[in-house]
Amino acid sequence: MLRGKSRLNVEWLGYSPGLLLERRPLLAGRTPRSPGRSESSLASTLKTLLFFTALMITVPIGLYFTTKSYIFEGAFGMSNRDSYFYAAIVAVVAVHVVLALFVYVAWNEGSRQWREGKQD
């Protein structure tokens, strides 16, 4: 048994011990959501995640090899060693752009779903 200051004072938190033992349904006063909307929301979220996963794999790798071969070695005439360095910088910037786009889309998708749920 805990003693002294480390003992949790549930009355201080606004709960009495009787309320902690009281059984109430968790969804009291809430209307159940339609399962069709949550499934479409889940499918939409999964599509977004898979799309940005594909972008995260293809865009930086594609830009790395494209800029290394055609831009830095071809157009600028850089050495092989220098082109590796600058192409890696381009790939890192591409990763950050894809991540920023994902955060933007996920944020807007979440707020859209929240607004739709709020109107019910």
N, C-alpha and C. Protein backbone atom coordinates (compact mmCIF):
# COMPACT_ATOMS: atom_id res chain seq x y z
N MET A 1 0.84 -1.18 0.00
CA MET A 1 0.00 0.00 0.00
C MET A 1 0.89 1.24 0.00
N LEU A 2 0.53 2.20 -0.79
CA LEU A 2 1.30 3.43 -0.88
C LEU A 2 0.98 4.35 0.28
N ARG A 3 1.98 5.01 0.79
CA ARG A 3 1.79 5.91 1.93
C ARG A 3 2.39 7.28 1.59
N GLY A 4 1.88 8.27 2.27
CA GLY A 4 2.47 9.59 2.17
C GLY A 4 2.12 10.30 0.87
N LYS A 5 3.09 11.06 0.34
CA LYS A 5 2.85 11.90 -0.82
C LYS A 5 2.69 11.11 -2.11
N SER A 6 3.20 9.89 -2.17
CA SER A 6 3.10 9.12 -3.41
C SER A 6 1.73 8.46 -3.57
N ARG A 7 0.89 8.52 -2.55
CA ARG A 7 -0.45 7.94 -2.62
C ARG A 7 -1.34 8.80 -3.50
N LEU A 8 -2.07 8.19 -4.40
CA LEU A 8 -2.93 8.91 -5.34
C LEU A 8 -4.20 9.34 -4.64
N ASN A 9 -4.46 10.60 -4.63
CA ASN A 9 -5.66 11.13 -4.01
C ASN A 9 -6.70 11.33 -5.10
N VAL A 10 -7.60 10.36 -5.24
CA VAL A 10 -8.58 10.43 -6.33
C VAL A 10 -9.62 11.49 -6.10
N GLU A 11 -9.89 11.85 -4.82
CA GLU A 11 -10.85 12.92 -4.57
C GLU A 11 -10.29 14.26 -5.04
N TRP A 12 -8.97 14.43 -4.98
CA TRP A 12 -8.34 15.65 -5.46
C TRP A 12 -8.50 15.77 -6.97
N LEU A 13 -8.52 14.63 -7.68
CA LEU A 13 -8.69 14.65 -9.13
C LEU A 13 -10.14 14.89 -9.55
N GLY A 14 -11.05 14.94 -8.59
CA GLY A 14 -12.45 15.18 -8.92
C GLY A 14 -13.26 13.90 -8.99
N TYR A 15 -12.70 12.80 -8.58
CA TYR A 15 -13.39 11.52 -8.58
C TYR A 15 -13.53 11.03 -7.14
N SER A 16 -14.65 10.46 -6.86
CA SER A 16 -14.76 9.81 -5.56
C SER A 16 -14.59 8.32 -5.78
N PRO A 17 -14.17 7.57 -4.77
CA PRO A 17 -13.98 6.13 -4.95
C PRO A 17 -15.23 5.42 -5.41
N GLY A 18 -16.41 5.92 -5.04
CA GLY A 18 -17.66 5.30 -5.48
C GLY A 18 -17.86 5.43 -6.97
N LEU A 19 -17.45 6.56 -7.56
CA LEU A 19 -17.61 6.76 -9.00
C LEU A 19 -16.68 5.86 -9.80
N LEU A 20 -15.52 5.53 -9.22
CA LEU A 20 -14.60 4.66 -9.92
C LEU A 20 -15.15 3.25 -10.03
N LEU A 21 -15.98 2.84 -9.09
CA LEU A 21 -16.54 1.50 -9.12
C LEU A 21 -17.87 1.43 -9.85
N GLU A 22 -18.44 2.59 -10.15
CA GLU A 22 -19.72 2.64 -10.83
C GLU A 22 -19.56 2.18 -12.28
N ARG A 23 -20.48 1.34 -12.72
CA ARG A 23 -20.40 0.85 -14.10
C ARG A 23 -21.38 1.62 -14.97
N ARG A 24 -20.83 2.26 -16.00
CA ARG A 24 -21.66 2.99 -16.96
C ARG A 24 -21.24 2.56 -18.35
N PRO A 25 -22.16 2.53 -19.28
CA PRO A 25 -21.75 2.24 -20.65
C PRO A 25 -20.87 3.36 -21.18
N LEU A 26 -19.84 3.00 -21.92
CA LEU A 26 -18.87 3.99 -22.41
C LEU A 26 -19.47 4.91 -23.46
N LEU A 27 -20.42 4.43 -24.22
CA LEU A 27 -20.97 5.23 -25.31
C LEU A 27 -22.31 5.84 -24.94
N ALA A 28 -22.56 6.08 -23.66
CA ALA A 28 -23.83 6.66 -23.23
C ALA A 28 -23.96 8.07 -23.81
N GLY A 29 -25.07 8.34 -24.43
CA GLY A 29 -25.31 9.66 -24.98
C GLY A 29 -24.72 9.88 -26.36
N ARG A 30 -24.04 8.92 -26.91
CA ARG A 30 -23.45 9.07 -28.24
C ARG A 30 -24.26 8.26 -29.24
N THR A 31 -24.33 8.78 -30.43
CA THR A 31 -25.01 8.03 -31.50
C THR A 31 -23.96 7.22 -32.23
N PRO A 32 -24.25 5.96 -32.52
CA PRO A 32 -23.27 5.15 -33.24
C PRO A 32 -23.10 5.65 -34.66
N ARG A 33 -21.88 5.60 -35.14
CA ARG A 33 -21.59 6.04 -36.51
C ARG A 33 -21.93 4.94 -37.47
N SER A 34 -22.22 5.34 -38.68
CA SER A 34 -22.54 4.34 -39.69
C SER A 34 -21.26 3.63 -40.12
N PRO A 35 -21.29 2.29 -40.24
CA PRO A 35 -20.07 1.57 -40.58
C PRO A 35 -19.58 1.86 -41.99
N GLY A 36 -20.44 2.24 -42.89
CA GLY A 36 -20.02 2.52 -44.27
C GLY A 36 -19.08 3.69 -44.37
N ARG A 37 -19.35 4.71 -43.58
CA ARG A 37 -18.50 5.89 -43.64
C ARG A 37 -17.13 5.61 -43.04
N SER A 38 -17.06 4.86 -41.95
CA SER A 38 -15.76 4.58 -41.36
C SER A 38 -14.93 3.66 -42.25
N GLU A 39 -15.59 2.75 -42.97
CA GLU A 39 -14.86 1.88 -43.89
C GLU A 39 -14.34 2.68 -45.08
N SER A 40 -15.14 3.60 -45.61
CA SER A 40 -14.65 4.42 -46.72
C SER A 40 -13.55 5.35 -46.26
N SER A 41 -13.65 5.83 -45.01
CA SER A 41 -12.60 6.66 -44.45
C SER A 41 -11.31 5.87 -44.30
N LEU A 42 -11.42 4.63 -43.85
CA LEU A 42 -10.25 3.77 -43.71
C LEU A 42 -9.63 3.47 -45.07
N ALA A 43 -10.47 3.20 -46.07
CA ALA A 43 -9.97 2.92 -47.42
C ALA A 43 -9.27 4.15 -48.00
N SER A 44 -9.86 5.31 -47.77
CA SER A 44 -9.25 6.55 -48.26
C SER A 44 -7.90 6.81 -47.60
N THR A 45 -7.83 6.56 -46.31
CA THR A 45 -6.57 6.75 -45.58
C THR A 45 -5.52 5.76 -46.06
N LEU A 46 -5.93 4.52 -46.29
CA LEU A 46 -4.99 3.51 -46.77
C LEU A 46 -4.48 3.84 -48.18
N LYS A 47 -5.36 4.33 -49.05
CA LYS A 47 -4.94 4.74 -50.40
C LYS A 47 -3.93 5.88 -50.34
N THR A 48 -4.20 6.84 -49.47
CA THR A 48 -3.28 7.96 -49.31
C THR A 48 -1.92 7.49 -48.82
N LEU A 49 -1.93 6.60 -47.83
CA LEU A 49 -0.68 6.08 -47.29
C LEU A 49 0.10 5.30 -48.34
N LEU A 50 -0.57 4.45 -49.09
CA LEU A 50 0.11 3.67 -50.13
C LEU A 50 0.64 4.57 -51.25
N PHE A 51 -0.12 5.59 -51.61
CA PHE A 51 0.33 6.51 -52.65
C PHE A 51 1.61 7.23 -52.22
N PHE A 52 1.63 7.74 -51.00
CA PHE A 52 2.82 8.45 -50.55
C PHE A 52 3.97 7.51 -50.25
N THR A 53 3.68 6.26 -49.92
CA THR A 53 4.76 5.28 -49.78
C THR A 53 5.44 5.04 -51.12
N ALA A 54 4.63 4.90 -52.17
CA ALA A 54 5.20 4.73 -53.51
C ALA A 54 6.00 5.97 -53.92
N LEU A 55 5.47 7.14 -53.62
CA LEU A 55 6.21 8.37 -53.93
C LEU A 55 7.52 8.44 -53.17
N MET A 56 7.49 8.03 -51.90
CA MET A 56 8.70 8.10 -51.07
C MET A 56 9.79 7.18 -51.59
N ILE A 57 9.41 6.09 -52.24
CA ILE A 57 10.40 5.16 -52.77
C ILE A 57 10.89 5.62 -54.15
N THR A 58 9.97 5.99 -55.02
CA THR A 58 10.34 6.24 -56.42
C THR A 58 10.93 7.63 -56.67
N VAL A 59 10.36 8.65 -56.07
CA VAL A 59 10.79 10.02 -56.39
C VAL A 59 12.25 10.29 -56.00
N PRO A 60 12.66 10.03 -54.75
CA PRO A 60 14.07 10.33 -54.42
C PRO A 60 15.06 9.47 -55.20
N ILE A 61 14.76 8.18 -55.39
CA ILE A 61 15.68 7.30 -56.13
C ILE A 61 15.74 7.72 -57.59
N GLY A 62 14.57 7.99 -58.17
CA GLY A 62 14.54 8.44 -59.57
C GLY A 62 15.27 9.75 -59.78
N LEU A 63 15.02 10.70 -58.88
CA LEU A 63 15.71 11.99 -59.00
C LEU A 63 17.21 11.85 -58.78
N TYR A 64 17.62 10.97 -57.89
CA TYR A 64 19.05 10.78 -57.64
C TYR A 64 19.76 10.35 -58.92
N PHE A 65 19.26 9.27 -59.54
CA PHE A 65 19.95 8.77 -60.72
C PHE A 65 19.77 9.68 -61.94
N THR A 66 18.62 10.32 -62.05
CA THR A 66 18.40 11.23 -63.18
C THR A 66 19.30 12.46 -63.08
N THR A 67 19.33 13.08 -61.91
CA THR A 67 20.16 14.28 -61.79
C THR A 67 21.64 13.94 -61.85
N LYS A 68 22.02 12.79 -61.33
CA LYS A 68 23.43 12.40 -61.37
C LYS A 68 23.90 12.21 -62.80
N SER A 69 23.14 11.44 -63.58
CA SER A 69 23.57 11.11 -64.94
C SER A 69 23.38 12.25 -65.93
N TYR A 70 22.17 12.80 -65.96
CA TYR A 70 21.84 13.75 -67.02
C TYR A 70 22.17 15.19 -66.68
N ILE A 71 22.00 15.60 -65.45
CA ILE A 71 22.19 17.01 -65.13
C ILE A 71 23.62 17.29 -64.68
N PHE A 72 24.06 16.61 -63.61
CA PHE A 72 25.36 16.96 -63.05
C PHE A 72 26.53 16.45 -63.88
N GLU A 73 26.46 15.20 -64.36
CA GLU A 73 27.56 14.69 -65.20
C GLU A 73 27.39 15.11 -66.65
N GLY A 74 26.16 15.10 -67.15
CA GLY A 74 25.92 15.41 -68.56
C GLY A 74 25.96 16.90 -68.86
N ALA A 75 25.05 17.65 -68.24
CA ALA A 75 24.91 19.07 -68.55
C ALA A 75 26.02 19.92 -67.92
N PHE A 76 26.35 19.64 -66.67
CA PHE A 76 27.35 20.46 -65.98
C PHE A 76 28.77 19.93 -66.12
N GLY A 77 28.93 18.70 -66.57
CA GLY A 77 30.25 18.12 -66.76
C GLY A 77 31.02 17.89 -65.47
N MET A 78 30.33 17.60 -64.40
CA MET A 78 31.00 17.38 -63.10
C MET A 78 31.65 16.01 -63.07
N SER A 79 32.58 15.84 -62.15
CA SER A 79 33.21 14.54 -61.98
C SER A 79 32.22 13.57 -61.32
N ASN A 80 32.56 12.29 -61.40
CA ASN A 80 31.71 11.27 -60.83
C ASN A 80 31.52 11.48 -59.32
N ARG A 81 32.58 11.86 -58.65
CA ARG A 81 32.54 12.06 -57.20
C ARG A 81 31.66 13.24 -56.81
N ASP A 82 31.79 14.35 -57.53
CA ASP A 82 30.97 15.52 -57.23
C ASP A 82 29.50 15.29 -57.56
N SER A 83 29.23 14.56 -58.63
CA SER A 83 27.84 14.32 -59.01
C SER A 83 27.12 13.45 -57.99
N TYR A 84 27.83 12.52 -57.34
CA TYR A 84 27.22 11.74 -56.26
C TYR A 84 26.73 12.65 -55.14
N PHE A 85 27.58 13.58 -54.77
CA PHE A 85 27.27 14.47 -53.66
C PHE A 85 26.05 15.34 -53.95
N TYR A 86 26.03 15.99 -55.09
CA TYR A 86 24.92 16.89 -55.42
C TYR A 86 23.63 16.13 -55.71
N ALA A 87 23.73 14.95 -56.29
CA ALA A 87 22.54 14.15 -56.53
C ALA A 87 21.94 13.67 -55.21
N ALA A 88 22.77 13.37 -54.22
CA ALA A 88 22.28 12.99 -52.90
C ALA A 88 21.54 14.14 -52.24
N ILE A 89 22.04 15.35 -52.43
CA ILE A 89 21.35 16.52 -51.87
C ILE A 89 19.97 16.67 -52.51
N VAL A 90 19.89 16.48 -53.81
CA VAL A 90 18.60 16.56 -54.50
C VAL A 90 17.64 15.49 -53.97
N ALA A 91 18.14 14.28 -53.75
CA ALA A 91 17.31 13.19 -53.23
C ALA A 91 16.80 13.50 -51.82
N VAL A 92 17.64 14.07 -50.98
CA VAL A 92 17.23 14.42 -49.62
C VAL A 92 16.16 15.51 -49.64
N VAL A 93 16.33 16.49 -50.50
CA VAL A 93 15.32 17.54 -50.64
C VAL A 93 14.00 16.94 -51.13
N ALA A 94 14.07 15.98 -52.05
CA ALA A 94 12.87 15.33 -52.55
C ALA A 94 12.15 14.56 -51.44
N VAL A 95 12.90 13.91 -50.56
CA VAL A 95 12.30 13.21 -49.42
C VAL A 95 11.54 14.19 -48.54
N HIS A 96 12.15 15.33 -48.28
CA HIS A 96 11.49 16.33 -47.44
C HIS A 96 10.24 16.90 -48.10
N VAL A 97 10.28 17.09 -49.40
CA VAL A 97 9.10 17.59 -50.11
C VAL A 97 7.97 16.57 -50.06
N VAL A 98 8.27 15.29 -50.28
CA VAL A 98 7.24 14.25 -50.23
C VAL A 98 6.66 14.16 -48.82
N LEU A 99 7.51 14.23 -47.79
CA LEU A 99 7.01 14.20 -46.42
C LEU A 99 6.12 15.40 -46.11
N ALA A 100 6.50 16.56 -46.57
CA ALA A 100 5.69 17.76 -46.34
C ALA A 100 4.34 17.64 -47.05
N LEU A 101 4.34 17.11 -48.27
CA LEU A 101 3.08 16.90 -48.98
C LEU A 101 2.19 15.89 -48.25
N PHE A 102 2.80 14.83 -47.73
CA PHE A 102 2.03 13.84 -46.99
C PHE A 102 1.39 14.45 -45.75
N VAL A 103 2.15 15.23 -45.00
CA VAL A 103 1.60 15.86 -43.80
C VAL A 103 0.47 16.81 -44.17
N TYR A 104 0.63 17.57 -45.24
CA TYR A 104 -0.41 18.49 -45.69
C TYR A 104 -1.68 17.75 -46.06
N VAL A 105 -1.55 16.69 -46.86
CA VAL A 105 -2.72 15.92 -47.30
C VAL A 105 -3.38 15.22 -46.11
N ALA A 106 -2.59 14.63 -45.23
CA ALA A 106 -3.14 13.94 -44.07
C ALA A 106 -3.85 14.92 -43.14
N TRP A 107 -3.29 16.10 -42.98
CA TRP A 107 -3.91 17.10 -42.12
C TRP A 107 -5.25 17.53 -42.70
N ASN A 108 -5.29 17.80 -43.99
CA ASN A 108 -6.54 18.22 -44.61
C ASN A 108 -7.57 17.10 -44.64
N GLU A 109 -7.13 15.88 -44.85
CA GLU A 109 -8.05 14.75 -44.86
C GLU A 109 -8.64 14.54 -43.47
N GLY A 110 -7.84 14.67 -42.46
CA GLY A 110 -8.33 14.53 -41.10
C GLY A 110 -9.31 15.62 -40.71
N SER A 111 -9.04 16.86 -41.09
CA SER A 111 -9.96 17.94 -40.77
C SER A 111 -11.25 17.81 -41.56
N ARG A 112 -11.17 17.29 -42.80
CA ARG A 112 -12.38 17.08 -43.59
C ARG A 112 -13.25 16.01 -42.94
N GLN A 113 -12.64 14.92 -42.50
CA GLN A 113 -13.40 13.86 -41.84
C GLN A 113 -13.96 14.34 -40.52
N TRP A 114 -13.23 15.20 -39.81
CA TRP A 114 -13.72 15.73 -38.55
C TRP A 114 -14.93 16.62 -38.79
N ARG A 115 -14.88 17.45 -39.86
CA ARG A 115 -16.02 18.33 -40.17
C ARG A 115 -17.23 17.51 -40.56
N GLU A 116 -17.05 16.43 -41.32
CA GLU A 116 -18.17 15.60 -41.71
C GLU A 116 -18.79 14.92 -40.50
N GLY A 117 -17.96 14.47 -39.58
CA GLY A 117 -18.47 13.87 -38.36
C GLY A 117 -19.16 14.87 -37.45
N LYS A 118 -18.71 16.12 -37.47
CA LYS A 118 -19.26 17.17 -36.64
C LYS A 118 -20.65 17.57 -37.13
N GLN A 119 -20.93 17.47 -38.42
CA GLN A 119 -22.22 17.89 -38.96
C GLN A 119 -23.33 16.90 -38.65
N ASP A 120 -22.98 15.68 -38.25
CA ASP A 120 -24.03 14.67 -37.94
C ASP A 120 -24.86 15.04 -36.76
